[in-house]
Each structure stands twice: as structure tokens, then as C-alpha cells.
Amino acid sequence: MVLKLLSMMLSMKISNKGKDPFECGFNPTSSAHNPFSLHFFLLGMIFIVFDLEIILLLPLINLFSYLGWSFCFILMIGLIYEWFLGSLNWF
């Protein structure tokens, strides 16, 4: 027991200073994994769905000119549906 205490007191102290995370000259104060809002994730998914819908159906509108207003009508119905579900409310 005495040898163990003597070994602990006389041993070289290894600094952990080089092992600390270091970014841009500042020590991190919080975790790197910040929680995200599920509402903003849902809003982003709605944006992607509407964006893909426009990208995929836009060539058809140019091909058939009479489908232009019906395309806008279908997009408006989808937007109103999402609005009534409450997916587009910010708060």
C-alpha cells in the first residue's frame, strides 16, 4: 500500500490538455449534437415534395398547354390541404 501511494505521488502527471477538443480557438461549451425541431423537418419535407412535384410535372405542362391551369389547381389543393392539417403553422 505504501509503495502504491509512493508510486502515485512520484509518478509524472500526464496532461490531458492535448486531448481536449479544440475548434477555432474556443473550447466547446456544449454538445456537438444539437436537437432539431421536428416541425422544421416536416416543413422541409413538404418543400421537397412540392419541389419534386413541380420538377417532374413541369415538362408535361409544356407538352400539353391545356394542363397548365389544372396543374396549378392540383398544387393549390395540396397546399391548402397541408395548411388545414396545420403543417404550415410556425408556432
PDB file of N, CA and C in Angstrom:
ATOM      1  N   MET A   1       0.825  -1.175   0.000  1.00  0.00           N
ATOM      2  CA  MET A   1       0.000   0.000   0.000  1.00  0.00           C
ATOM      3  C   MET A   1       0.877   1.250   0.000  1.00  0.00           C
ATOM      4  N   VAL A   2       1.947   1.186   0.777  1.00  0.00           N
ATOM      5  CA  VAL A   2       2.865   2.312   0.825  1.00  0.00           C
ATOM      6  C   VAL A   2       3.513   2.507  -0.542  1.00  0.00           C
ATOM      7  N   LEU A   3       3.897   1.421  -1.178  1.00  0.00           N
ATOM      8  CA  LEU A   3       4.504   1.524  -2.497  1.00  0.00           C
ATOM      9  C   LEU A   3       3.527   2.119  -3.516  1.00  0.00           C
ATOM     10  N   LYS A   4       2.266   1.756  -3.418  1.00  0.00           N
ATOM     11  CA  LYS A   4       1.268   2.307  -4.338  1.00  0.00           C
ATOM     12  C   LYS A   4       1.126   3.809  -4.128  1.00  0.00           C
ATOM     13  N   LEU A   5       1.030   4.273  -2.899  1.00  0.00           N
ATOM     14  CA  LEU A   5       0.933   5.706  -2.610  1.00  0.00           C
ATOM     15  C   LEU A   5       2.192   6.437  -3.050  1.00  0.00           C
ATOM     16  N   LEU A   6       3.351   5.846  -2.792  1.00  0.00           N
ATOM     17  CA  LEU A   6       4.609   6.455  -3.204  1.00  0.00           C
ATOM     18  C   LEU A   6       4.702   6.530  -4.728  1.00  0.00           C
ATOM     19  N   SER A   7       4.228   5.500  -5.408  1.00  0.00           N
ATOM     20  CA  SER A   7       4.231   5.497  -6.865  1.00  0.00           C
ATOM     21  C   SER A   7       3.301   6.580  -7.416  1.00  0.00           C
ATOM     22  N   MET A   8       2.156   6.744  -6.812  1.00  0.00           N
ATOM     23  CA  MET A   8       1.212   7.766  -7.271  1.00  0.00           C
ATOM     24  C   MET A   8       1.755   9.170  -7.048  1.00  0.00           C
ATOM     25  N   MET A   9       2.457   9.397  -5.942  1.00  0.00           N
ATOM     26  CA  MET A   9       2.972  10.733  -5.644  1.00  0.00           C
ATOM     27  C   MET A   9       4.184  11.076  -6.501  1.00  0.00           C
ATOM     28  N   LEU A  10       5.019  10.114  -6.822  1.00  0.00           N
ATOM     29  CA  LEU A  10       6.240  10.381  -7.557  1.00  0.00           C
ATOM     30  C   LEU A  10       6.094  10.234  -9.081  1.00  0.00           C
ATOM     31  N   SER A  11       4.991   9.675  -9.530  1.00  0.00           N
ATOM     32  CA  SER A  11       4.833   9.463 -10.972  1.00  0.00           C
ATOM     33  C   SER A  11       4.613  10.794 -11.682  1.00  0.00           C
ATOM     34  N   MET A  12       4.967  10.788 -12.963  1.00  0.00           N
ATOM     35  CA  MET A  12       4.789  12.004 -13.762  1.00  0.00           C
ATOM     36  C   MET A  12       3.307  12.176 -14.077  1.00  0.00           C
ATOM     37  N   LYS A  13       2.864  13.374 -13.939  1.00  0.00           N
ATOM     38  CA  LYS A  13       1.472  13.677 -14.257  1.00  0.00           C
ATOM     39  C   LYS A  13       1.360  13.924 -15.757  1.00  0.00           C
ATOM     40  N   ILE A  14       0.506  13.176 -16.425  1.00  0.00           N
ATOM     41  CA  ILE A  14       0.284  13.339 -17.860  1.00  0.00           C
ATOM     42  C   ILE A  14      -0.868  14.314 -18.049  1.00  0.00           C
ATOM     43  N   SER A  15      -0.579  15.335 -18.795  1.00  0.00           N
ATOM     44  CA  SER A  15      -1.590  16.363 -19.034  1.00  0.00           C
ATOM     45  C   SER A  15      -2.553  15.908 -20.126  1.00  0.00           C
ATOM     46  N   ASN A  16      -3.812  16.139 -19.908  1.00  0.00           N
ATOM     47  CA  ASN A  16      -4.833  15.833 -20.912  1.00  0.00           C
ATOM     48  C   ASN A  16      -5.139  17.045 -21.780  1.00  0.00           C
ATOM     49  N   LYS A  17      -4.286  18.049 -21.685  1.00  0.00           N
ATOM     50  CA  LYS A  17      -4.541  19.284 -22.421  1.00  0.00           C
ATOM     51  C   LYS A  17      -4.518  19.063 -23.931  1.00  0.00           C
ATOM     52  N   GLY A  18      -3.676  18.205 -24.415  1.00  0.00           N
ATOM     53  CA  GLY A  18      -3.601  17.929 -25.851  1.00  0.00           C
ATOM     54  C   GLY A  18      -4.735  17.052 -26.354  1.00  0.00           C
ATOM     55  N   LYS A  19      -5.434  16.398 -25.456  1.00  0.00           N
ATOM     56  CA  LYS A  19      -6.518  15.509 -25.854  1.00  0.00           C
ATOM     57  C   LYS A  19      -7.882  16.199 -25.845  1.00  0.00           C
ATOM     58  N   ASP A  20      -7.944  17.419 -25.382  1.00  0.00           N
ATOM     59  CA  ASP A  20      -9.211  18.143 -25.358  1.00  0.00           C
ATOM     60  C   ASP A  20      -9.603  18.560 -26.765  1.00  0.00           C
ATOM     61  N   PRO A  21     -10.898  18.566 -27.044  1.00  0.00           N
ATOM     62  CA  PRO A  21     -11.320  19.044 -28.371  1.00  0.00           C
ATOM     63  C   PRO A  21     -11.035  20.530 -28.516  1.00  0.00           C
ATOM     64  N   PHE A  22     -10.614  20.916 -29.686  1.00  0.00           N
ATOM     65  CA  PHE A  22     -10.219  22.294 -29.932  1.00  0.00           C
ATOM     66  C   PHE A  22     -10.739  22.691 -31.295  1.00  0.00           C
ATOM     67  N   GLU A  23     -11.550  23.739 -31.329  1.00  0.00           N
ATOM     68  CA  GLU A  23     -12.123  24.163 -32.598  1.00  0.00           C
ATOM     69  C   GLU A  23     -12.106  25.680 -32.662  1.00  0.00           C
ATOM     70  N   CYS A  24     -11.463  26.199 -33.651  1.00  0.00           N
ATOM     71  CA  CYS A  24     -11.439  27.643 -33.934  1.00  0.00           C
ATOM     72  C   CYS A  24     -10.943  28.465 -32.752  1.00  0.00           C
ATOM     73  N   GLY A  25     -10.132  27.903 -31.912  1.00  0.00           N
ATOM     74  CA  GLY A  25      -9.576  28.661 -30.815  1.00  0.00           C
ATOM     75  C   GLY A  25     -10.458  28.731 -29.581  1.00  0.00           C
ATOM     76  N   PHE A  26     -11.626  28.106 -29.615  1.00  0.00           N
ATOM     77  CA  PHE A  26     -12.540  28.145 -28.479  1.00  0.00           C
ATOM     78  C   PHE A  26     -12.777  26.731 -27.968  1.00  0.00           C
ATOM     79  N   ASN A  27     -12.855  26.598 -26.672  1.00  0.00           N
ATOM     80  CA  ASN A  27     -13.210  25.312 -26.091  1.00  0.00           C
ATOM     81  C   ASN A  27     -14.714  25.133 -26.218  1.00  0.00           C
ATOM     82  N   PRO A  28     -15.175  23.952 -26.581  1.00  0.00           N
ATOM     83  CA  PRO A  28     -16.618  23.751 -26.728  1.00  0.00           C
ATOM     84  C   PRO A  28     -17.316  23.832 -25.378  1.00  0.00           C
ATOM     85  N   THR A  29     -18.468  24.454 -25.370  1.00  0.00           N
ATOM     86  CA  THR A  29     -19.221  24.591 -24.125  1.00  0.00           C
ATOM     87  C   THR A  29     -20.428  23.682 -24.092  1.00  0.00           C
ATOM     88  N   SER A  30     -20.808  23.137 -25.237  1.00  0.00           N
ATOM     89  CA  SER A  30     -21.975  22.260 -25.269  1.00  0.00           C
ATOM     90  C   SER A  30     -21.692  21.075 -26.185  1.00  0.00           C
ATOM     91  N   SER A  31     -22.647  20.214 -26.270  1.00  0.00           N
ATOM     92  CA  SER A  31     -22.517  19.026 -27.108  1.00  0.00           C
ATOM     93  C   SER A  31     -22.573  19.405 -28.584  1.00  0.00           C
ATOM     94  N   ALA A  32     -21.941  18.602 -29.402  1.00  0.00           N
ATOM     95  CA  ALA A  32     -21.952  18.856 -30.842  1.00  0.00           C
ATOM     96  C   ALA A  32     -23.278  18.453 -31.468  1.00  0.00           C
ATOM     97  N   HIS A  33     -24.059  17.658 -30.777  1.00  0.00           N
ATOM     98  CA  HIS A  33     -25.340  17.189 -31.298  1.00  0.00           C
ATOM     99  C   HIS A  33     -26.461  18.054 -30.732  1.00  0.00           C
ATOM    100  N   ASN A  34     -26.871  19.040 -31.502  1.00  0.00           N
ATOM    101  CA  ASN A  34     -27.956  19.909 -31.080  1.00  0.00           C
ATOM    102  C   ASN A  34     -29.280  19.311 -31.519  1.00  0.00           C
ATOM    103  N   PRO A  35     -30.292  19.366 -30.658  1.00  0.00           N
ATOM    104  CA  PRO A  35     -31.597  18.849 -31.073  1.00  0.00           C
ATOM    105  C   PRO A  35     -32.205  19.747 -32.138  1.00  0.00           C
ATOM    106  N   PHE A  36     -32.977  19.170 -33.034  1.00  0.00           N
ATOM    107  CA  PHE A  36     -33.613  19.956 -34.075  1.00  0.00           C
ATOM    108  C   PHE A  36     -35.120  19.860 -33.920  1.00  0.00           C
ATOM    109  N   SER A  37     -35.782  20.850 -34.441  1.00  0.00           N
ATOM    110  CA  SER A  37     -37.230  20.908 -34.344  1.00  0.00           C
ATOM    111  C   SER A  37     -37.850  19.983 -35.379  1.00  0.00           C
ATOM    112  N   LEU A  38     -38.740  19.129 -34.934  1.00  0.00           N
ATOM    113  CA  LEU A  38     -39.424  18.218 -35.836  1.00  0.00           C
ATOM    114  C   LEU A  38     -40.335  18.975 -36.788  1.00  0.00           C
ATOM    115  N   HIS A  39     -40.839  20.127 -36.345  1.00  0.00           N
ATOM    116  CA  HIS A  39     -41.701  20.935 -37.208  1.00  0.00           C
ATOM    117  C   HIS A  39     -40.934  21.433 -38.431  1.00  0.00           C
ATOM    118  N   PHE A  40     -39.711  21.885 -38.245  1.00  0.00           N
ATOM    119  CA  PHE A  40     -38.918  22.361 -39.375  1.00  0.00           C
ATOM    120  C   PHE A  40     -38.529  21.209 -40.300  1.00  0.00           C
ATOM    121  N   PHE A  41     -38.330  20.025 -39.738  1.00  0.00           N
ATOM    122  CA  PHE A  41     -38.071  18.851 -40.565  1.00  0.00           C
ATOM    123  C   PHE A  41     -39.281  18.541 -41.441  1.00  0.00           C
ATOM    124  N   LEU A  42     -40.481  18.593 -40.855  1.00  0.00           N
ATOM    125  CA  LEU A  42     -41.703  18.348 -41.617  1.00  0.00           C
ATOM    126  C   LEU A  42     -41.898  19.408 -42.690  1.00  0.00           C
ATOM    127  N   LEU A  43     -41.617  20.650 -42.359  1.00  0.00           N
ATOM    128  CA  LEU A  43     -41.742  21.730 -43.338  1.00  0.00           C
ATOM    129  C   LEU A  43     -40.751  21.535 -44.490  1.00  0.00           C
ATOM    130  N   GLY A  44     -39.557  21.087 -44.184  1.00  0.00           N
ATOM    131  CA  GLY A  44     -38.576  20.799 -45.228  1.00  0.00           C
ATOM    132  C   GLY A  44     -39.012  19.651 -46.123  1.00  0.00           C
ATOM    133  N   MET A  45     -39.619  18.621 -45.528  1.00  0.00           N
ATOM    134  CA  MET A  45     -40.115  17.501 -46.329  1.00  0.00           C
ATOM    135  C   MET A  45     -41.255  17.944 -47.247  1.00  0.00           C
ATOM    136  N   ILE A  46     -42.132  18.812 -46.749  1.00  0.00           N
ATOM    137  CA  ILE A  46     -43.217  19.340 -47.586  1.00  0.00           C
ATOM    138  C   ILE A  46     -42.631  20.134 -48.744  1.00  0.00           C
ATOM    139  N   PHE A  47     -41.608  20.930 -48.469  1.00  0.00           N
ATOM    140  CA  PHE A  47     -40.958  21.695 -49.533  1.00  0.00           C
ATOM    141  C   PHE A  47     -40.376  20.771 -50.596  1.00  0.00           C
ATOM    142  N   ILE A  48     -39.707  19.712 -50.161  1.00  0.00           N
ATOM    143  CA  ILE A  48     -39.095  18.784 -51.116  1.00  0.00           C
ATOM    144  C   ILE A  48     -40.158  18.090 -51.958  1.00  0.00           C
ATOM    145  N   VAL A  49     -41.269  17.692 -51.330  1.00  0.00           N
ATOM    146  CA  VAL A  49     -42.330  17.015 -52.084  1.00  0.00           C
ATOM    147  C   VAL A  49     -42.917  17.946 -53.133  1.00  0.00           C
ATOM    148  N   PHE A  50     -43.221  19.196 -52.752  1.00  0.00           N
ATOM    149  CA  PHE A  50     -43.781  20.134 -53.716  1.00  0.00           C
ATOM    150  C   PHE A  50     -42.760  20.495 -54.794  1.00  0.00           C
ATOM    151  N   ASP A  51     -41.509  20.590 -54.418  1.00  0.00           N
ATOM    152  CA  ASP A  51     -40.471  20.916 -55.392  1.00  0.00           C
ATOM    153  C   ASP A  51     -40.309  19.791 -56.415  1.00  0.00           C
ATOM    154  N   LEU A  52     -40.282  18.553 -55.941  1.00  0.00           N
ATOM    155  CA  LEU A  52     -40.184  17.420 -56.862  1.00  0.00           C
ATOM    156  C   LEU A  52     -41.421  17.304 -57.745  1.00  0.00           C
ATOM    157  N   GLU A  53     -42.569  17.621 -57.170  1.00  0.00           N
ATOM    158  CA  GLU A  53     -43.795  17.576 -57.964  1.00  0.00           C
ATOM    159  C   GLU A  53     -43.731  18.582 -59.111  1.00  0.00           C
ATOM    160  N   ILE A  54     -43.243  19.752 -58.828  1.00  0.00           N
ATOM    161  CA  ILE A  54     -43.130  20.774 -59.873  1.00  0.00           C
ATOM    162  C   ILE A  54     -42.090  20.361 -60.915  1.00  0.00           C
ATOM    163  N   ILE A  55     -40.957  19.839 -60.457  1.00  0.00           N
ATOM    164  CA  ILE A  55     -39.890  19.451 -61.391  1.00  0.00           C
ATOM    165  C   ILE A  55     -40.335  18.318 -62.310  1.00  0.00           C
ATOM    166  N   LEU A  56     -41.055  17.345 -61.767  1.00  0.00           N
ATOM    167  CA  LEU A  56     -41.451  16.198 -62.577  1.00  0.00           C
ATOM    168  C   LEU A  56     -42.634  16.494 -63.490  1.00  0.00           C
ATOM    169  N   LEU A  57     -43.510  17.401 -63.088  1.00  0.00           N
ATOM    170  CA  LEU A  57     -44.700  17.665 -63.892  1.00  0.00           C
ATOM    171  C   LEU A  57     -44.566  18.874 -64.803  1.00  0.00           C
ATOM    172  N   LEU A  58     -43.552  19.670 -64.637  1.00  0.00           N
ATOM    173  CA  LEU A  58     -43.383  20.856 -65.477  1.00  0.00           C
ATOM    174  C   LEU A  58     -43.184  20.522 -66.960  1.00  0.00           C
ATOM    175  N   PRO A  59     -42.431  19.488 -67.320  1.00  0.00           N
ATOM    176  CA  PRO A  59     -42.337  19.162 -68.753  1.00  0.00           C
ATOM    177  C   PRO A  59     -43.679  18.767 -69.372  1.00  0.00           C
ATOM    178  N   LEU A  60     -44.559  18.151 -68.587  1.00  0.00           N
ATOM    179  CA  LEU A  60     -45.876  17.788 -69.111  1.00  0.00           C
ATOM    180  C   LEU A  60     -46.719  19.019 -69.409  1.00  0.00           C
ATOM    181  N   ILE A  61     -46.553  20.056 -68.605  1.00  0.00           N
ATOM    182  CA  ILE A  61     -47.308  21.285 -68.837  1.00  0.00           C
ATOM    183  C   ILE A  61     -46.869  21.922 -70.148  1.00  0.00           C
ATOM    184  N   ASN A  62     -45.587  21.904 -70.410  1.00  0.00           N
ATOM    185  CA  ASN A  62     -45.101  22.468 -71.670  1.00  0.00           C
ATOM    186  C   ASN A  62     -45.541  21.627 -72.868  1.00  0.00           C
ATOM    187  N   LEU A  63     -45.681  20.330 -72.661  1.00  0.00           N
ATOM    188  CA  LEU A  63     -46.098  19.446 -73.741  1.00  0.00           C
ATOM    189  C   LEU A  63     -47.587  19.616 -74.064  1.00  0.00           C
ATOM    190  N   PHE A  64     -48.391  19.652 -73.018  1.00  0.00           N
ATOM    191  CA  PHE A  64     -49.839  19.831 -73.184  1.00  0.00           C
ATOM    192  C   PHE A  64     -50.216  21.177 -72.581  1.00  0.00           C
ATOM    193  N   SER A  65     -50.473  22.161 -73.387  1.00  0.00           N
ATOM    194  CA  SER A  65     -50.699  23.521 -72.891  1.00  0.00           C
ATOM    195  C   SER A  65     -51.984  23.646 -72.085  1.00  0.00           C
ATOM    196  N   TYR A  66     -52.961  22.797 -72.322  1.00  0.00           N
ATOM    197  CA  TYR A  66     -54.222  22.903 -71.596  1.00  0.00           C
ATOM    198  C   TYR A  66     -54.124  22.365 -70.166  1.00  0.00           C
ATOM    199  N   LEU A  67     -53.023  21.709 -69.807  1.00  0.00           N
ATOM    200  CA  LEU A  67     -52.849  21.190 -68.450  1.00  0.00           C
ATOM    201  C   LEU A  67     -52.271  22.226 -67.489  1.00  0.00           C
ATOM    202  N   GLY A  68     -51.928  23.393 -67.959  1.00  0.00           N
ATOM    203  CA  GLY A  68     -51.290  24.399 -67.119  1.00  0.00           C
ATOM    204  C   GLY A  68     -52.124  24.808 -65.921  1.00  0.00           C
ATOM    205  N   TRP A  69     -53.388  25.140 -66.158  1.00  0.00           N
ATOM    206  CA  TRP A  69     -54.248  25.577 -65.058  1.00  0.00           C
ATOM    207  C   TRP A  69     -54.617  24.424 -64.139  1.00  0.00           C
ATOM    208  N   SER A  70     -54.780  23.233 -64.677  1.00  0.00           N
ATOM    209  CA  SER A  70     -55.100  22.090 -63.819  1.00  0.00           C
ATOM    210  C   SER A  70     -53.905  21.746 -62.924  1.00  0.00           C
ATOM    211  N   PHE A  71     -52.697  21.912 -63.428  1.00  0.00           N
ATOM    212  CA  PHE A  71     -51.501  21.678 -62.619  1.00  0.00           C
ATOM    213  C   PHE A  71     -51.443  22.654 -61.447  1.00  0.00           C
ATOM    214  N   CYS A  72     -51.697  23.925 -61.730  1.00  0.00           N
ATOM    215  CA  CYS A  72     -51.711  24.929 -60.660  1.00  0.00           C
ATOM    216  C   CYS A  72     -52.821  24.632 -59.664  1.00  0.00           C
ATOM    217  N   PHE A  73     -53.954  24.158 -60.141  1.00  0.00           N
ATOM    218  CA  PHE A  73     -55.075  23.821 -59.270  1.00  0.00           C
ATOM    219  C   PHE A  73     -54.714  22.659 -58.345  1.00  0.00           C
ATOM    220  N   ILE A  74     -54.062  21.628 -58.872  1.00  0.00           N
ATOM    221  CA  ILE A  74     -53.657  20.480 -58.053  1.00  0.00           C
ATOM    222  C   ILE A  74     -52.636  20.906 -57.000  1.00  0.00           C
ATOM    223  N   LEU A  75     -51.691  21.744 -57.368  1.00  0.00           N
ATOM    224  CA  LEU A  75     -50.718  22.242 -56.386  1.00  0.00           C
ATOM    225  C   LEU A  75     -51.395  23.073 -55.309  1.00  0.00           C
ATOM    226  N   MET A  76     -52.374  23.885 -55.693  1.00  0.00           N
ATOM    227  CA  MET A  76     -53.080  24.716 -54.723  1.00  0.00           C
ATOM    228  C   MET A  76     -53.903  23.852 -53.764  1.00  0.00           C
ATOM    229  N   ILE A  77     -54.519  22.789 -54.269  1.00  0.00           N
ATOM    230  CA  ILE A  77     -55.270  21.880 -53.398  1.00  0.00           C
ATOM    231  C   ILE A  77     -54.331  21.222 -52.385  1.00  0.00           C
ATOM    232  N   GLY A  78     -53.155  20.790 -52.823  1.00  0.00           N
ATOM    233  CA  GLY A  78     -52.181  20.194 -51.906  1.00  0.00           C
ATOM    234  C   GLY A  78     -51.695  21.181 -50.857  1.00  0.00           C
ATOM    235  N   LEU A  79     -51.490  22.422 -51.257  1.00  0.00           N
ATOM    236  CA  LEU A  79     -51.051  23.445 -50.311  1.00  0.00           C
ATOM    237  C   LEU A  79     -52.132  23.748 -49.279  1.00  0.00           C
ATOM    238  N   ILE A  80     -53.376  23.853 -49.727  1.00  0.00           N
ATOM    239  CA  ILE A  80     -54.490  24.112 -48.802  1.00  0.00           C
ATOM    240  C   ILE A  80     -54.680  22.931 -47.858  1.00  0.00           C
ATOM    241  N   TYR A  81     -54.509  21.713 -48.350  1.00  0.00           N
ATOM    242  CA  TYR A  81     -54.615  20.521 -47.505  1.00  0.00           C
ATOM    243  C   TYR A  81     -53.563  20.542 -46.394  1.00  0.00           C
ATOM    244  N   GLU A  82     -52.333  20.860 -46.728  1.00  0.00           N
ATOM    245  CA  GLU A  82     -51.275  20.949 -45.718  1.00  0.00           C
ATOM    246  C   GLU A  82     -51.543  22.083 -44.738  1.00  0.00           C
ATOM    247  N   TRP A  83     -52.133  23.155 -45.208  1.00  0.00           N
ATOM    248  CA  TRP A  83     -52.449  24.287 -44.343  1.00  0.00           C
ATOM    249  C   TRP A  83     -53.524  23.900 -43.337  1.00  0.00           C
ATOM    250  N   PHE A  84     -54.560  23.174 -43.783  1.00  0.00           N
ATOM    251  CA  PHE A  84     -55.623  22.751 -42.871  1.00  0.00           C
ATOM    252  C   PHE A  84     -55.151  21.685 -41.893  1.00  0.00           C
ATOM    253  N   LEU A  85     -54.171  20.898 -42.271  1.00  0.00           N
ATOM    254  CA  LEU A  85     -53.600  19.931 -41.334  1.00  0.00           C
ATOM    255  C   LEU A  85     -52.781  20.615 -40.247  1.00  0.00           C
ATOM    256  N   GLY A  86     -52.372  21.862 -40.486  1.00  0.00           N
ATOM    257  CA  GLY A  86     -51.570  22.589 -39.506  1.00  0.00           C
ATOM    258  C   GLY A  86     -50.082  22.402 -39.687  1.00  0.00           C
ATOM    259  N   SER A  87     -49.672  21.825 -40.793  1.00  0.00           N
ATOM    260  CA  SER A  87     -48.246  21.591 -41.021  1.00  0.00           C
ATOM    261  C   SER A  87     -47.494  22.860 -41.367  1.00  0.00           C
ATOM    262  N   LEU A  88     -48.190  23.890 -41.790  1.00  0.00           N
ATOM    263  CA  LEU A  88     -47.525  25.119 -42.214  1.00  0.00           C
ATOM    264  C   LEU A  88     -47.540  26.201 -41.141  1.00  0.00           C
ATOM    265  N   ASN A  89     -48.084  25.903 -39.957  1.00  0.00           N
ATOM    266  CA  ASN A  89     -48.086  26.878 -38.858  1.00  0.00           C
ATOM    267  C   ASN A  89     -46.698  26.950 -38.237  1.00  0.00           C
ATOM    268  N   TRP A  90     -46.221  28.148 -38.001  1.00  0.00           N
ATOM    269  CA  TRP A  90     -44.879  28.323 -37.451  1.00  0.00           C
ATOM    270  C   TRP A  90     -44.850  28.147 -35.948  1.00  0.00           C
ATOM    271  N   PHE A  91     -45.929  28.456 -35.255  1.00  0.00           N
ATOM    272  CA  PHE A  91     -45.917  28.387 -33.784  1.00  0.00           C
ATOM    273  C   PHE A  91     -46.998  27.480 -33.275  1.00  0.00           C
TER     274      PHE A  91
END
